[in-house]
Amino acid sequence: MSLPLVVALDGPSGSGKSSTARGVAARLGLAYLDTGAMYRAVTWALLQRGVDTDDAAAVAAAVADVTIESGTDPAEPTIVADGVDVAVEIRSDEVVRHVSPVSTVPQVRTHLVDLQRQVIAAATPGIVVEGRDIGTVVATDAAVKVYLVADPEARASRRAAEEGGSDTAATAASLLRRDRIDSTRATSPLAKADDAVEIDTTFLTLDEVIGQIVALAEEARS
């Protein structure tokens, strides 16, 4: 019996991970996991509890009691925190402002990495997992590892469009701030795995990016 196919898709915010990962999963008939949504869901749950997200000790003490459930259908992915569907809530400005300090706390990352590995292990015939540390930490033995990049202007334009036409300059500044936090944190920093294929999505269409990754996955399957 063949092993489940795991496609690890990493990269900074605005590089096109979510749309690409869902498209690849749909094309290949695989499950899909958005690990970024899990961090935002934990952040939402902590805010609901009145936890100071800048207090690492308080976050570390509270996170173990937070329950997260991630739906893995690429057509309709779901995210539930403490029994509440938070698919809309995790996109709020408040959650986005607070997710960076929460995601740097080692206990948060340990808690969610354990959950992510459970989802991956249960996925048949395989799964596409997107995030910032999938190929380097969560699924180091993934058959396919891809690192998406794009120039800052393209990333800011895409993210601003996703957020309903928000100010591109402000979005660019926010993305650069998130890059600094993600790539310098002590635990599981954003990094390209040594064996990952880098794809620059700046001048590629979504279908072109999906096609390149599907080709890599089909090669790995053969």
N, C-alpha and C. Protein backbone atom coordinates (compact mmCIF):
# COMPACT_ATOMS: atom_id res chain seq x y z
N MET A 1 0.85 -1.19 0.00
CA MET A 1 0.00 0.00 0.00
C MET A 1 0.88 1.24 0.00
N SER A 2 0.59 2.21 -0.88
CA SER A 2 1.41 3.42 -0.97
C SER A 2 1.15 4.34 0.21
N LEU A 3 2.18 5.09 0.57
CA LEU A 3 2.07 6.03 1.67
C LEU A 3 1.25 7.24 1.24
N PRO A 4 0.56 7.90 2.18
CA PRO A 4 -0.16 9.14 1.83
C PRO A 4 0.80 10.16 1.26
N LEU A 5 0.35 10.94 0.28
CA LEU A 5 1.17 11.98 -0.33
C LEU A 5 1.02 13.26 0.47
N VAL A 6 2.13 13.80 0.93
CA VAL A 6 2.11 15.06 1.67
C VAL A 6 2.82 16.13 0.84
N VAL A 7 2.09 17.22 0.57
CA VAL A 7 2.67 18.35 -0.15
C VAL A 7 2.78 19.50 0.85
N ALA A 8 4.01 19.91 1.14
CA ALA A 8 4.27 20.99 2.09
C ALA A 8 4.47 22.29 1.32
N LEU A 9 3.65 23.27 1.63
CA LEU A 9 3.68 24.53 0.89
C LEU A 9 3.94 25.68 1.87
N ASP A 10 5.12 26.26 1.79
CA ASP A 10 5.51 27.34 2.70
C ASP A 10 5.76 28.63 1.95
N GLY A 11 5.87 29.72 2.72
CA GLY A 11 6.17 31.01 2.12
C GLY A 11 5.60 32.13 2.95
N PRO A 12 6.03 33.36 2.69
CA PRO A 12 5.54 34.50 3.44
C PRO A 12 4.11 34.87 3.09
N SER A 13 3.51 35.74 3.90
CA SER A 13 2.14 36.20 3.64
C SER A 13 2.05 36.89 2.29
N GLY A 14 0.98 36.60 1.56
CA GLY A 14 0.76 37.25 0.28
C GLY A 14 1.46 36.61 -0.89
N SER A 15 2.12 35.48 -0.66
CA SER A 15 2.83 34.81 -1.76
C SER A 15 1.90 33.92 -2.57
N GLY A 16 0.66 33.77 -2.11
CA GLY A 16 -0.32 32.99 -2.86
C GLY A 16 -0.54 31.59 -2.33
N LYS A 17 -0.14 31.34 -1.09
CA LYS A 17 -0.20 29.97 -0.55
C LYS A 17 -1.61 29.40 -0.51
N SER A 18 -2.56 30.16 0.04
CA SER A 18 -3.90 29.60 0.28
C SER A 18 -4.60 29.19 -1.01
N SER A 19 -4.68 30.11 -1.96
CA SER A 19 -5.35 29.80 -3.23
C SER A 19 -4.63 28.66 -3.95
N THR A 20 -3.31 28.69 -3.90
CA THR A 20 -2.53 27.65 -4.57
C THR A 20 -2.74 26.30 -3.90
N ALA A 21 -2.65 26.26 -2.58
CA ALA A 21 -2.78 24.99 -1.86
C ALA A 21 -4.15 24.36 -2.08
N ARG A 22 -5.19 25.19 -2.03
CA ARG A 22 -6.54 24.66 -2.25
C ARG A 22 -6.70 24.15 -3.67
N GLY A 23 -6.11 24.88 -4.62
CA GLY A 23 -6.19 24.45 -6.02
C GLY A 23 -5.46 23.15 -6.27
N VAL A 24 -4.29 23.01 -5.68
CA VAL A 24 -3.51 21.78 -5.83
C VAL A 24 -4.26 20.61 -5.20
N ALA A 25 -4.78 20.81 -3.99
CA ALA A 25 -5.52 19.74 -3.31
C ALA A 25 -6.72 19.29 -4.13
N ALA A 26 -7.45 20.25 -4.70
CA ALA A 26 -8.63 19.91 -5.51
C ALA A 26 -8.22 19.14 -6.76
N ARG A 27 -7.16 19.58 -7.43
CA ARG A 27 -6.70 18.90 -8.65
C ARG A 27 -6.24 17.48 -8.38
N LEU A 28 -5.62 17.26 -7.23
CA LEU A 28 -5.05 15.95 -6.92
C LEU A 28 -5.97 15.06 -6.10
N GLY A 29 -7.12 15.59 -5.68
CA GLY A 29 -8.03 14.82 -4.86
C GLY A 29 -7.51 14.58 -3.45
N LEU A 30 -6.81 15.58 -2.91
CA LEU A 30 -6.21 15.46 -1.58
C LEU A 30 -6.94 16.35 -0.58
N ALA A 31 -6.67 16.11 0.70
CA ALA A 31 -7.17 16.98 1.75
C ALA A 31 -6.35 18.27 1.76
N TYR A 32 -6.78 19.23 2.56
CA TYR A 32 -6.11 20.53 2.61
C TYR A 32 -6.11 21.04 4.05
N LEU A 33 -4.98 21.60 4.48
CA LEU A 33 -4.89 22.15 5.83
C LEU A 33 -4.21 23.52 5.79
N ASP A 34 -4.92 24.50 6.33
CA ASP A 34 -4.40 25.86 6.44
C ASP A 34 -3.92 26.06 7.88
N THR A 35 -2.61 25.94 8.11
CA THR A 35 -2.10 26.04 9.47
C THR A 35 -2.16 27.48 9.98
N GLY A 36 -2.10 28.45 9.09
CA GLY A 36 -2.22 29.84 9.51
C GLY A 36 -3.56 30.12 10.17
N ALA A 37 -4.62 29.48 9.65
CA ALA A 37 -5.94 29.65 10.24
C ALA A 37 -5.97 29.10 11.66
N MET A 38 -5.19 28.07 11.91
CA MET A 38 -5.14 27.50 13.25
C MET A 38 -4.53 28.49 14.25
N TYR A 39 -3.49 29.19 13.83
CA TYR A 39 -2.87 30.19 14.72
C TYR A 39 -3.82 31.36 14.96
N ARG A 40 -4.54 31.75 13.93
CA ARG A 40 -5.50 32.84 14.11
C ARG A 40 -6.67 32.39 15.00
N ALA A 41 -7.06 31.13 14.87
CA ALA A 41 -8.15 30.62 15.70
C ALA A 41 -7.75 30.58 17.17
N VAL A 42 -6.52 30.17 17.45
CA VAL A 42 -6.02 30.20 18.83
C VAL A 42 -6.01 31.63 19.35
N THR A 43 -5.57 32.55 18.51
CA THR A 43 -5.54 33.97 18.89
C THR A 43 -6.93 34.46 19.24
N TRP A 44 -7.91 34.13 18.40
CA TRP A 44 -9.30 34.51 18.68
C TRP A 44 -9.75 33.96 20.03
N ALA A 45 -9.46 32.69 20.29
CA ALA A 45 -9.89 32.06 21.53
C ALA A 45 -9.25 32.73 22.74
N LEU A 46 -7.99 33.09 22.63
CA LEU A 46 -7.30 33.75 23.74
C LEU A 46 -7.88 35.14 23.99
N LEU A 47 -8.18 35.86 22.91
CA LEU A 47 -8.79 37.18 23.06
C LEU A 47 -10.16 37.07 23.73
N GLN A 48 -10.92 36.04 23.35
CA GLN A 48 -12.24 35.83 23.96
C GLN A 48 -12.12 35.61 25.47
N ARG A 49 -11.00 35.02 25.87
CA ARG A 49 -10.78 34.73 27.29
C ARG A 49 -10.15 35.89 28.04
N GLY A 50 -9.86 36.96 27.32
CA GLY A 50 -9.26 38.11 27.95
C GLY A 50 -7.78 37.98 28.24
N VAL A 51 -7.10 37.07 27.55
CA VAL A 51 -5.67 36.86 27.74
C VAL A 51 -4.89 37.98 27.06
N ASP A 52 -3.91 38.53 27.74
CA ASP A 52 -3.03 39.54 27.15
C ASP A 52 -2.08 38.84 26.19
N THR A 53 -2.27 39.05 24.90
CA THR A 53 -1.48 38.31 23.91
C THR A 53 -0.02 38.75 23.85
N ASP A 54 0.30 39.86 24.50
CA ASP A 54 1.70 40.28 24.59
C ASP A 54 2.41 39.69 25.80
N ASP A 55 1.66 38.98 26.63
CA ASP A 55 2.22 38.32 27.81
C ASP A 55 2.45 36.85 27.46
N ALA A 56 3.68 36.51 27.10
CA ALA A 56 3.99 35.16 26.63
C ALA A 56 3.66 34.10 27.67
N ALA A 57 3.90 34.40 28.93
CA ALA A 57 3.61 33.43 29.98
C ALA A 57 2.11 33.17 30.09
N ALA A 58 1.31 34.22 29.97
CA ALA A 58 -0.14 34.06 30.03
C ALA A 58 -0.66 33.27 28.84
N VAL A 59 -0.12 33.55 27.67
CA VAL A 59 -0.50 32.80 26.47
C VAL A 59 -0.12 31.33 26.62
N ALA A 60 1.09 31.08 27.10
CA ALA A 60 1.56 29.71 27.27
C ALA A 60 0.69 28.93 28.25
N ALA A 61 0.25 29.61 29.30
CA ALA A 61 -0.57 28.93 30.31
C ALA A 61 -1.97 28.63 29.80
N ALA A 62 -2.48 29.46 28.90
CA ALA A 62 -3.88 29.31 28.46
C ALA A 62 -4.05 28.42 27.23
N VAL A 63 -3.03 28.28 26.41
CA VAL A 63 -3.22 27.65 25.10
C VAL A 63 -3.57 26.17 25.18
N ALA A 64 -3.10 25.47 26.20
CA ALA A 64 -3.36 24.03 26.28
C ALA A 64 -4.84 23.70 26.37
N ASP A 65 -5.64 24.65 26.87
CA ASP A 65 -7.08 24.41 27.01
C ASP A 65 -7.89 24.80 25.78
N VAL A 66 -7.23 25.36 24.79
CA VAL A 66 -7.93 25.77 23.57
C VAL A 66 -8.08 24.58 22.63
N THR A 67 -9.29 24.32 22.18
CA THR A 67 -9.51 23.22 21.23
C THR A 67 -9.69 23.79 19.82
N ILE A 68 -9.00 23.20 18.87
CA ILE A 68 -9.05 23.62 17.48
C ILE A 68 -9.41 22.43 16.60
N GLU A 69 -10.37 22.62 15.70
CA GLU A 69 -10.75 21.58 14.75
C GLU A 69 -10.70 22.19 13.34
N SER A 70 -9.92 21.56 12.48
CA SER A 70 -9.75 22.07 11.12
C SER A 70 -10.39 21.13 10.11
N GLY A 71 -11.34 21.65 9.35
CA GLY A 71 -11.91 20.87 8.25
C GLY A 71 -10.93 20.83 7.10
N THR A 72 -10.84 19.73 6.39
CA THR A 72 -9.80 19.56 5.37
C THR A 72 -10.33 19.42 3.94
N ASP A 73 -11.58 19.82 3.72
CA ASP A 73 -12.13 19.82 2.37
C ASP A 73 -11.65 21.09 1.66
N PRO A 74 -10.85 20.99 0.59
CA PRO A 74 -10.35 22.19 -0.07
C PRO A 74 -11.44 23.08 -0.63
N ALA A 75 -12.61 22.51 -0.93
CA ALA A 75 -13.71 23.31 -1.46
C ALA A 75 -14.39 24.11 -0.36
N GLU A 76 -14.42 23.56 0.85
CA GLU A 76 -15.08 24.24 1.96
C GLU A 76 -14.30 24.00 3.26
N PRO A 77 -13.11 24.56 3.37
CA PRO A 77 -12.34 24.37 4.61
C PRO A 77 -13.02 25.09 5.78
N THR A 78 -12.97 24.46 6.93
CA THR A 78 -13.60 25.05 8.12
C THR A 78 -12.57 25.17 9.24
N ILE A 79 -12.85 26.04 10.18
CA ILE A 79 -11.99 26.18 11.35
C ILE A 79 -12.89 26.48 12.56
N VAL A 80 -12.75 25.66 13.60
CA VAL A 80 -13.59 25.77 14.79
C VAL A 80 -12.69 25.90 16.01
N ALA A 81 -12.94 26.90 16.84
CA ALA A 81 -12.19 27.11 18.08
C ALA A 81 -13.13 27.03 19.26
N ASP A 82 -12.82 26.15 20.20
CA ASP A 82 -13.66 25.98 21.39
C ASP A 82 -15.13 25.78 21.02
N GLY A 83 -15.36 25.01 19.95
CA GLY A 83 -16.72 24.68 19.53
C GLY A 83 -17.43 25.73 18.72
N VAL A 84 -16.73 26.84 18.38
CA VAL A 84 -17.35 27.94 17.63
C VAL A 84 -16.73 28.03 16.24
N ASP A 85 -17.58 28.11 15.22
CA ASP A 85 -17.10 28.31 13.86
C ASP A 85 -16.55 29.74 13.76
N VAL A 86 -15.25 29.87 13.53
CA VAL A 86 -14.62 31.20 13.55
C VAL A 86 -14.02 31.57 12.19
N ALA A 87 -14.53 30.97 11.13
CA ALA A 87 -13.98 31.23 9.79
C ALA A 87 -14.00 32.71 9.44
N VAL A 88 -15.03 33.42 9.86
CA VAL A 88 -15.13 34.86 9.60
C VAL A 88 -14.35 35.65 10.64
N GLU A 89 -14.49 35.28 11.89
CA GLU A 89 -13.88 36.03 13.00
C GLU A 89 -12.35 36.09 12.90
N ILE A 90 -11.72 35.05 12.41
CA ILE A 90 -10.25 35.03 12.39
C ILE A 90 -9.67 35.98 11.35
N ARG A 91 -10.52 36.53 10.49
CA ARG A 91 -10.04 37.50 9.49
C ARG A 91 -10.20 38.94 9.98
N SER A 92 -10.66 39.11 11.19
CA SER A 92 -10.88 40.45 11.70
C SER A 92 -9.56 41.17 11.94
N ASP A 93 -9.61 42.50 11.94
CA ASP A 93 -8.41 43.30 12.19
C ASP A 93 -7.83 42.99 13.56
N GLU A 94 -8.70 42.77 14.54
CA GLU A 94 -8.22 42.51 15.90
C GLU A 94 -7.38 41.24 15.96
N VAL A 95 -7.87 40.18 15.35
CA VAL A 95 -7.12 38.92 15.36
C VAL A 95 -5.82 39.07 14.58
N VAL A 96 -5.88 39.72 13.42
CA VAL A 96 -4.67 39.91 12.61
C VAL A 96 -3.62 40.69 13.38
N ARG A 97 -4.04 41.69 14.17
CA ARG A 97 -3.09 42.49 14.96
C ARG A 97 -2.41 41.66 16.04
N HIS A 98 -3.11 40.68 16.58
CA HIS A 98 -2.60 39.95 17.74
C HIS A 98 -1.95 38.60 17.41
N VAL A 99 -2.10 38.11 16.18
CA VAL A 99 -1.64 36.75 15.88
C VAL A 99 -0.12 36.62 15.91
N SER A 100 0.60 37.66 15.55
CA SER A 100 2.06 37.55 15.50
C SER A 100 2.68 37.25 16.86
N PRO A 101 2.36 38.02 17.93
CA PRO A 101 2.95 37.67 19.22
C PRO A 101 2.50 36.30 19.73
N VAL A 102 1.26 35.92 19.45
CA VAL A 102 0.79 34.61 19.88
C VAL A 102 1.58 33.50 19.18
N SER A 103 1.83 33.68 17.88
CA SER A 103 2.49 32.62 17.10
C SER A 103 3.96 32.44 17.46
N THR A 104 4.55 33.40 18.18
CA THR A 104 5.95 33.26 18.56
C THR A 104 6.14 32.48 19.86
N VAL A 105 5.06 32.25 20.60
CA VAL A 105 5.16 31.55 21.88
C VAL A 105 5.40 30.06 21.64
N PRO A 106 6.49 29.49 22.14
CA PRO A 106 6.83 28.08 21.85
C PRO A 106 5.72 27.10 22.21
N GLN A 107 5.02 27.33 23.32
CA GLN A 107 3.95 26.40 23.72
C GLN A 107 2.80 26.40 22.71
N VAL A 108 2.54 27.54 22.10
CA VAL A 108 1.50 27.61 21.07
C VAL A 108 1.93 26.78 19.86
N ARG A 109 3.17 26.95 19.45
CA ARG A 109 3.64 26.22 18.28
C ARG A 109 3.68 24.72 18.56
N THR A 110 4.11 24.32 19.74
CA THR A 110 4.13 22.90 20.08
C THR A 110 2.72 22.31 20.05
N HIS A 111 1.77 23.03 20.64
CA HIS A 111 0.38 22.59 20.70
C HIS A 111 -0.19 22.40 19.29
N LEU A 112 0.05 23.39 18.43
CA LEU A 112 -0.54 23.32 17.09
C LEU A 112 0.21 22.37 16.17
N VAL A 113 1.51 22.28 16.30
CA VAL A 113 2.26 21.32 15.48
C VAL A 113 1.79 19.90 15.77
N ASP A 114 1.54 19.59 17.04
CA ASP A 114 1.01 18.27 17.38
C ASP A 114 -0.33 18.02 16.69
N LEU A 115 -1.21 19.02 16.72
CA LEU A 115 -2.51 18.89 16.06
C LEU A 115 -2.34 18.72 14.55
N GLN A 116 -1.44 19.51 13.97
CA GLN A 116 -1.21 19.45 12.53
C GLN A 116 -0.71 18.08 12.11
N ARG A 117 0.18 17.52 12.88
CA ARG A 117 0.70 16.18 12.55
C ARG A 117 -0.37 15.12 12.67
N GLN A 118 -1.30 15.30 13.60
CA GLN A 118 -2.41 14.35 13.71
C GLN A 118 -3.30 14.41 12.47
N VAL A 119 -3.57 15.62 12.00
CA VAL A 119 -4.40 15.78 10.80
C VAL A 119 -3.70 15.16 9.59
N ILE A 120 -2.41 15.42 9.46
CA ILE A 120 -1.64 14.89 8.34
C ILE A 120 -1.65 13.36 8.36
N ALA A 121 -1.43 12.78 9.53
CA ALA A 121 -1.37 11.33 9.65
C ALA A 121 -2.69 10.66 9.29
N ALA A 122 -3.79 11.37 9.51
CA ALA A 122 -5.12 10.79 9.27
C ALA A 122 -5.60 11.00 7.84
N ALA A 123 -4.88 11.77 7.04
CA ALA A 123 -5.35 12.14 5.70
C ALA A 123 -4.99 11.08 4.66
N THR A 124 -6.01 10.57 4.00
CA THR A 124 -5.78 9.65 2.88
C THR A 124 -6.61 10.11 1.69
N PRO A 125 -6.08 10.06 0.47
CA PRO A 125 -4.77 9.50 0.10
C PRO A 125 -3.60 10.45 0.31
N GLY A 126 -3.86 11.61 0.90
CA GLY A 126 -2.78 12.57 1.13
C GLY A 126 -3.34 13.94 1.46
N ILE A 127 -2.45 14.92 1.59
CA ILE A 127 -2.88 16.24 2.02
C ILE A 127 -1.90 17.30 1.54
N VAL A 128 -2.44 18.49 1.26
CA VAL A 128 -1.63 19.67 0.96
C VAL A 128 -1.70 20.55 2.20
N VAL A 129 -0.55 20.87 2.76
CA VAL A 129 -0.49 21.65 4.00
C VAL A 129 0.25 22.95 3.73
N GLU A 130 -0.38 24.06 4.07
CA GLU A 130 0.26 25.36 3.85
C GLU A 130 0.58 26.04 5.16
N GLY A 131 1.70 26.76 5.16
CA GLY A 131 2.09 27.49 6.36
C GLY A 131 3.43 28.16 6.19
N ARG A 132 4.17 28.23 7.29
CA ARG A 132 5.49 28.86 7.26
C ARG A 132 6.59 27.94 7.74
N ASP A 133 6.21 26.81 8.34
CA ASP A 133 7.23 25.89 8.86
C ASP A 133 6.87 24.44 8.55
N ILE A 134 6.13 24.23 7.47
CA ILE A 134 5.67 22.86 7.18
C ILE A 134 6.83 21.98 6.74
N GLY A 135 7.58 22.44 5.74
CA GLY A 135 8.70 21.63 5.24
C GLY A 135 9.87 21.55 6.18
N THR A 136 10.01 22.53 7.08
CA THR A 136 11.16 22.57 7.98
C THR A 136 10.89 21.97 9.36
N VAL A 137 9.61 21.93 9.78
CA VAL A 137 9.29 21.45 11.13
C VAL A 137 8.15 20.44 11.14
N VAL A 138 7.01 20.82 10.59
CA VAL A 138 5.79 20.01 10.75
C VAL A 138 5.87 18.69 9.99
N ALA A 139 6.28 18.74 8.73
CA ALA A 139 6.31 17.54 7.88
C ALA A 139 7.64 17.50 7.13
N THR A 140 8.70 17.26 7.86
CA THR A 140 10.04 17.29 7.26
C THR A 140 10.25 16.16 6.25
N ASP A 141 9.40 15.12 6.32
CA ASP A 141 9.54 14.01 5.37
C ASP A 141 8.52 14.10 4.23
N ALA A 142 7.91 15.26 4.04
CA ALA A 142 6.94 15.43 2.95
C ALA A 142 7.57 15.08 1.61
N ALA A 143 6.80 14.40 0.77
CA ALA A 143 7.32 13.99 -0.54
C ALA A 143 7.57 15.18 -1.45
N VAL A 144 6.77 16.23 -1.28
CA VAL A 144 6.90 17.44 -2.10
C VAL A 144 6.97 18.64 -1.16
N LYS A 145 8.01 19.44 -1.34
CA LYS A 145 8.16 20.67 -0.56
C LYS A 145 8.31 21.84 -1.52
N VAL A 146 7.47 22.85 -1.34
CA VAL A 146 7.50 24.02 -2.21
C VAL A 146 7.56 25.27 -1.35
N TYR A 147 8.37 26.22 -1.79
CA TYR A 147 8.47 27.51 -1.08
C TYR A 147 8.09 28.59 -2.07
N LEU A 148 6.94 29.24 -1.81
CA LEU A 148 6.45 30.29 -2.70
C LEU A 148 7.00 31.65 -2.28
N VAL A 149 7.40 32.44 -3.26
CA VAL A 149 7.84 33.80 -3.01
C VAL A 149 7.18 34.71 -4.04
N ALA A 150 7.20 36.01 -3.77
CA ALA A 150 6.70 37.02 -4.71
C ALA A 150 7.29 38.35 -4.26
N ASP A 151 7.38 39.29 -5.20
CA ASP A 151 7.96 40.57 -4.80
C ASP A 151 6.98 41.30 -3.87
N PRO A 152 7.49 42.21 -3.03
CA PRO A 152 6.64 42.85 -2.00
C PRO A 152 5.41 43.55 -2.56
N GLU A 153 5.54 44.20 -3.71
CA GLU A 153 4.40 44.92 -4.29
C GLU A 153 3.29 43.96 -4.67
N ALA A 154 3.65 42.85 -5.30
CA ALA A 154 2.65 41.86 -5.69
C ALA A 154 1.97 41.26 -4.47
N ARG A 155 2.75 40.97 -3.45
CA ARG A 155 2.19 40.40 -2.22
C ARG A 155 1.21 41.36 -1.56
N ALA A 156 1.59 42.63 -1.50
CA ALA A 156 0.72 43.63 -0.87
C ALA A 156 -0.57 43.81 -1.66
N SER A 157 -0.47 43.82 -2.99
CA SER A 157 -1.66 43.99 -3.82
C SER A 157 -2.63 42.83 -3.63
N ARG A 158 -2.08 41.61 -3.57
CA ARG A 158 -2.94 40.44 -3.39
C ARG A 158 -3.63 40.46 -2.04
N ARG A 159 -2.87 40.76 -0.99
CA ARG A 159 -3.45 40.75 0.34
C ARG A 159 -4.47 41.87 0.50
N ALA A 160 -4.20 43.04 -0.07
CA ALA A 160 -5.15 44.15 0.00
C ALA A 160 -6.46 43.77 -0.70
N ALA A 161 -6.35 43.08 -1.84
CA ALA A 161 -7.55 42.65 -2.57
C ALA A 161 -8.34 41.64 -1.74
N GLU A 162 -7.64 40.72 -1.06
CA GLU A 162 -8.30 39.73 -0.21
C GLU A 162 -9.05 40.41 0.93
N GLU A 163 -8.51 41.54 1.39
CA GLU A 163 -9.10 42.23 2.53
C GLU A 163 -10.10 43.31 2.10
N GLY A 164 -10.57 43.21 0.85
CA GLY A 164 -11.61 44.11 0.39
C GLY A 164 -11.14 45.45 -0.09
N GLY A 165 -9.91 45.47 -0.65
CA GLY A 165 -9.41 46.72 -1.21
C GLY A 165 -8.81 47.65 -0.19
N SER A 166 -8.22 47.11 0.88
CA SER A 166 -7.59 47.93 1.89
C SER A 166 -6.36 48.64 1.32
N ASP A 167 -5.85 49.62 2.04
CA ASP A 167 -4.73 50.43 1.58
C ASP A 167 -3.49 49.58 1.31
N THR A 168 -2.99 49.62 0.07
CA THR A 168 -1.88 48.75 -0.33
C THR A 168 -0.60 49.09 0.43
N ALA A 169 -0.33 50.38 0.63
CA ALA A 169 0.89 50.79 1.34
C ALA A 169 0.86 50.29 2.78
N ALA A 170 -0.28 50.43 3.43
CA ALA A 170 -0.41 49.96 4.81
C ALA A 170 -0.28 48.44 4.87
N THR A 171 -0.85 47.78 3.88
CA THR A 171 -0.76 46.32 3.82
C THR A 171 0.68 45.88 3.63
N ALA A 172 1.42 46.59 2.76
CA ALA A 172 2.83 46.26 2.53
C ALA A 172 3.64 46.39 3.82
N ALA A 173 3.39 47.44 4.57
CA ALA A 173 4.10 47.65 5.84
C ALA A 173 3.78 46.54 6.82
N SER A 174 2.51 46.12 6.85
CA SER A 174 2.09 45.05 7.74
C SER A 174 2.75 43.73 7.36
N LEU A 175 2.84 43.46 6.06
CA LEU A 175 3.46 42.22 5.60
C LEU A 175 4.94 42.18 5.94
N LEU A 176 5.63 43.30 5.77
CA LEU A 176 7.06 43.36 6.08
C LEU A 176 7.29 43.16 7.58
N ARG A 177 6.39 43.73 8.39
CA ARG A 177 6.49 43.53 9.84
C ARG A 177 6.31 42.06 10.18
N ARG A 178 5.32 41.42 9.55
CA ARG A 178 5.08 40.00 9.81
C ARG A 178 6.26 39.17 9.34
N ASP A 179 6.88 39.53 8.22
CA ASP A 179 8.06 38.81 7.74
C ASP A 179 9.18 38.84 8.79
N ARG A 180 9.40 40.02 9.35
CA ARG A 180 10.47 40.17 10.34
C ARG A 180 10.20 39.29 11.56
N ILE A 181 8.96 39.30 12.02
CA ILE A 181 8.61 38.49 13.19
C ILE A 181 8.74 37.00 12.87
N ASP A 182 8.21 36.59 11.72
CA ASP A 182 8.21 35.18 11.36
C ASP A 182 9.61 34.62 11.14
N SER A 183 10.48 35.42 10.53
CA SER A 183 11.81 34.91 10.18
C SER A 183 12.84 35.05 11.29
N THR A 184 12.50 35.79 12.36
CA THR A 184 13.46 35.98 13.45
C THR A 184 13.02 35.33 14.76
N ARG A 185 11.81 34.74 14.80
CA ARG A 185 11.38 34.14 16.05
C ARG A 185 12.27 32.94 16.39
N ALA A 186 12.40 32.66 17.68
CA ALA A 186 13.31 31.61 18.13
C ALA A 186 12.80 30.21 17.77
N THR A 187 11.49 30.03 17.79
CA THR A 187 10.91 28.72 17.54
C THR A 187 10.30 28.66 16.14
N SER A 188 10.74 27.68 15.34
CA SER A 188 10.19 27.43 14.00
C SER A 188 10.11 28.69 13.14
N PRO A 189 11.22 29.37 12.90
CA PRO A 189 11.16 30.57 12.06
C PRO A 189 10.80 30.23 10.61
N LEU A 190 10.25 31.23 9.93
CA LEU A 190 9.97 31.08 8.50
C LEU A 190 11.28 30.85 7.76
N ALA A 191 11.38 29.75 7.04
CA ALA A 191 12.60 29.44 6.31
C ALA A 191 12.28 28.44 5.20
N LYS A 192 13.08 28.50 4.16
CA LYS A 192 12.93 27.55 3.06
C LYS A 192 13.68 26.26 3.40
N ALA A 193 13.01 25.12 3.29
CA ALA A 193 13.67 23.84 3.51
C ALA A 193 14.75 23.63 2.44
N ASP A 194 15.82 22.98 2.82
CA ASP A 194 16.94 22.77 1.90
C ASP A 194 16.50 22.03 0.63
N ASP A 195 15.52 21.15 0.76
CA ASP A 195 15.09 20.35 -0.38
C ASP A 195 13.78 20.85 -0.99
N ALA A 196 13.41 22.08 -0.69
CA ALA A 196 12.17 22.65 -1.25
C ALA A 196 12.44 23.25 -2.62
N VAL A 197 11.43 23.19 -3.47
CA VAL A 197 11.48 23.85 -4.78
C VAL A 197 10.91 25.25 -4.61
N GLU A 198 11.68 26.27 -4.97
CA GLU A 198 11.20 27.64 -4.84
C GLU A 198 10.50 28.06 -6.14
N ILE A 199 9.31 28.66 -5.98
CA ILE A 199 8.55 29.16 -7.12
C ILE A 199 8.23 30.62 -6.88
N ASP A 200 8.66 31.48 -7.78
CA ASP A 200 8.35 32.91 -7.69
C ASP A 200 7.03 33.13 -8.43
N THR A 201 6.01 33.54 -7.67
CA THR A 201 4.67 33.67 -8.24
C THR A 201 4.36 35.07 -8.77
N THR A 202 5.35 35.97 -8.72
CA THR A 202 5.10 37.37 -9.06
C THR A 202 4.43 37.53 -10.41
N PHE A 203 4.96 36.85 -11.42
CA PHE A 203 4.46 37.04 -12.78
C PHE A 203 3.75 35.79 -13.32
N LEU A 204 3.34 34.91 -12.43
CA LEU A 204 2.64 33.70 -12.84
C LEU A 204 1.16 33.80 -12.48
N THR A 205 0.33 33.18 -13.30
CA THR A 205 -1.09 33.10 -12.94
C THR A 205 -1.26 32.00 -11.89
N LEU A 206 -2.40 32.02 -11.22
CA LEU A 206 -2.68 31.00 -10.22
C LEU A 206 -2.65 29.61 -10.86
N ASP A 207 -3.25 29.48 -12.05
CA ASP A 207 -3.27 28.18 -12.72
C ASP A 207 -1.86 27.70 -13.06
N GLU A 208 -0.98 28.62 -13.41
CA GLU A 208 0.39 28.22 -13.73
C GLU A 208 1.12 27.70 -12.50
N VAL A 209 0.91 28.36 -11.37
CA VAL A 209 1.56 27.92 -10.15
C VAL A 209 1.01 26.55 -9.72
N ILE A 210 -0.31 26.42 -9.77
CA ILE A 210 -0.93 25.14 -9.43
C ILE A 210 -0.40 24.04 -10.33
N GLY A 211 -0.30 24.32 -11.61
CA GLY A 211 0.18 23.33 -12.57
C GLY A 211 1.59 22.86 -12.26
N GLN A 212 2.46 23.78 -11.87
CA GLN A 212 3.84 23.41 -11.55
C GLN A 212 3.89 22.47 -10.33
N ILE A 213 3.08 22.78 -9.33
CA ILE A 213 3.11 21.95 -8.12
C ILE A 213 2.44 20.60 -8.35
N VAL A 214 1.36 20.58 -9.12
CA VAL A 214 0.72 19.32 -9.47
C VAL A 214 1.71 18.42 -10.21
N ALA A 215 2.49 18.99 -11.11
CA ALA A 215 3.50 18.22 -11.84
C ALA A 215 4.53 17.62 -10.88
N LEU A 216 4.95 18.38 -9.89
CA LEU A 216 5.91 17.87 -8.90
C LEU A 216 5.28 16.72 -8.10
N ALA A 217 4.00 16.89 -7.74
CA ALA A 217 3.33 15.87 -6.95
C ALA A 217 3.12 14.59 -7.75
N GLU A 218 2.76 14.74 -9.02
CA GLU A 218 2.57 13.56 -9.87
C GLU A 218 3.87 12.81 -10.09
N GLU A 219 4.95 13.57 -10.19
CA GLU A 219 6.27 12.93 -10.31
C GLU A 219 6.61 12.16 -9.04
N ALA A 220 6.28 12.75 -7.89
CA ALA A 220 6.57 12.09 -6.63
C ALA A 220 5.73 10.83 -6.45
N ARG A 221 4.54 10.85 -7.01
CA ARG A 221 3.63 9.71 -6.92
C ARG A 221 4.09 8.53 -7.78
N SER A 222 4.78 8.84 -8.87
CA SER A 222 5.13 7.80 -9.85
C SER A 222 6.29 6.93 -9.41
